[in-house]
Amino acid sequence: MPKMKTHKGASKRFKLTGTGKLMHQQGRRGHFRRRKATRLLQQLDKLKPVDKTEERMVRQALPYG
């Protein structure tokens, strides 16, 4: 059985925590940052968990975690 390939675009966008939870970076961070509230920017800089409806698709793209 050949090895499964990791989707390189997905490996750059999603991280797996130690407990096995999939995390991703939220968008809307790079453009017009000066006019956004500081509190909003702090919230956007944190990693967010992947939605359960998309988790199966992401796990297929990252077969080895």
Protein backbone atom coordinates (compact mmCIF):
# COMPACT_ATOMS: atom_id res chain seq x y z
CA MET A 1 0.00 0.00 0.00
CA PRO A 2 1.58 3.33 -0.99
CA LYS A 3 1.85 6.21 1.41
CA MET A 4 -0.90 8.82 1.39
CA LYS A 5 0.12 12.33 0.41
CA THR A 6 -0.41 15.32 2.65
CA HIS A 7 -2.14 18.29 1.02
CA LYS A 8 0.53 20.98 1.38
CA GLY A 9 -1.93 23.87 1.25
CA ALA A 10 -3.89 22.35 4.12
CA SER A 11 -0.75 21.64 6.14
CA LYS A 12 0.14 25.34 6.03
CA ARG A 13 -3.36 26.47 7.07
CA PHE A 14 -4.30 23.99 9.79
CA LYS A 15 -2.52 22.88 12.96
CA LEU A 16 -3.24 19.91 15.16
CA THR A 17 -3.13 20.39 18.94
CA GLY A 18 -1.73 17.85 21.36
CA THR A 19 -5.23 16.63 22.17
CA GLY A 20 -6.02 16.13 18.47
CA LYS A 21 -8.14 19.24 17.89
CA LEU A 22 -7.84 20.96 14.50
CA MET A 23 -7.15 24.71 14.66
CA HIS A 24 -6.99 27.40 11.97
CA GLN A 25 -6.20 31.09 11.73
CA GLN A 26 -9.14 33.42 11.24
CA GLY A 27 -9.26 35.73 8.25
CA ARG A 28 -9.78 39.51 7.99
CA ARG A 29 -6.46 40.22 9.66
CA GLY A 30 -4.17 41.63 7.02
CA HIS A 31 -6.03 44.54 5.49
CA PHE A 32 -7.04 47.87 7.14
CA ARG A 33 -5.69 46.80 10.51
CA ARG A 34 -5.32 50.42 11.69
CA ARG A 35 -9.03 51.13 11.65
CA LYS A 36 -10.05 47.94 13.42
CA ALA A 37 -10.47 47.96 17.19
CA THR A 38 -7.55 46.66 19.25
CA ARG A 39 -9.78 44.14 20.98
CA LEU A 40 -10.97 42.79 17.63
CA LEU A 41 -7.39 42.44 16.37
CA GLN A 42 -6.43 40.52 19.50
CA GLN A 43 -9.33 38.14 18.93
CA LEU A 44 -8.41 37.67 15.25
CA ASP A 45 -4.80 36.81 16.08
CA LYS A 46 -5.82 33.71 18.06
CA LEU A 47 -6.24 30.25 16.55
CA LYS A 48 -9.84 29.08 16.22
CA PRO A 49 -11.10 25.47 16.18
CA VAL A 50 -12.20 24.10 12.83
CA ASP A 51 -15.97 23.74 12.45
CA LYS A 52 -17.23 20.18 12.80
CA THR A 53 -18.83 20.32 9.33
CA GLU A 54 -15.40 20.86 7.73
CA GLU A 55 -13.34 18.69 10.04
CA ARG A 56 -13.75 15.48 8.02
CA MET A 57 -12.51 17.18 4.84
CA VAL A 58 -9.47 18.65 6.60
CA ARG A 59 -8.56 15.34 8.24
CA GLN A 60 -8.57 13.67 4.81
CA ALA A 61 -6.17 16.33 3.55
CA LEU A 62 -3.88 15.73 6.56
CA PRO A 63 -3.71 11.93 6.85
CA TYR A 64 -0.77 11.89 9.27
CA GLY A 65 -1.86 14.69 11.58
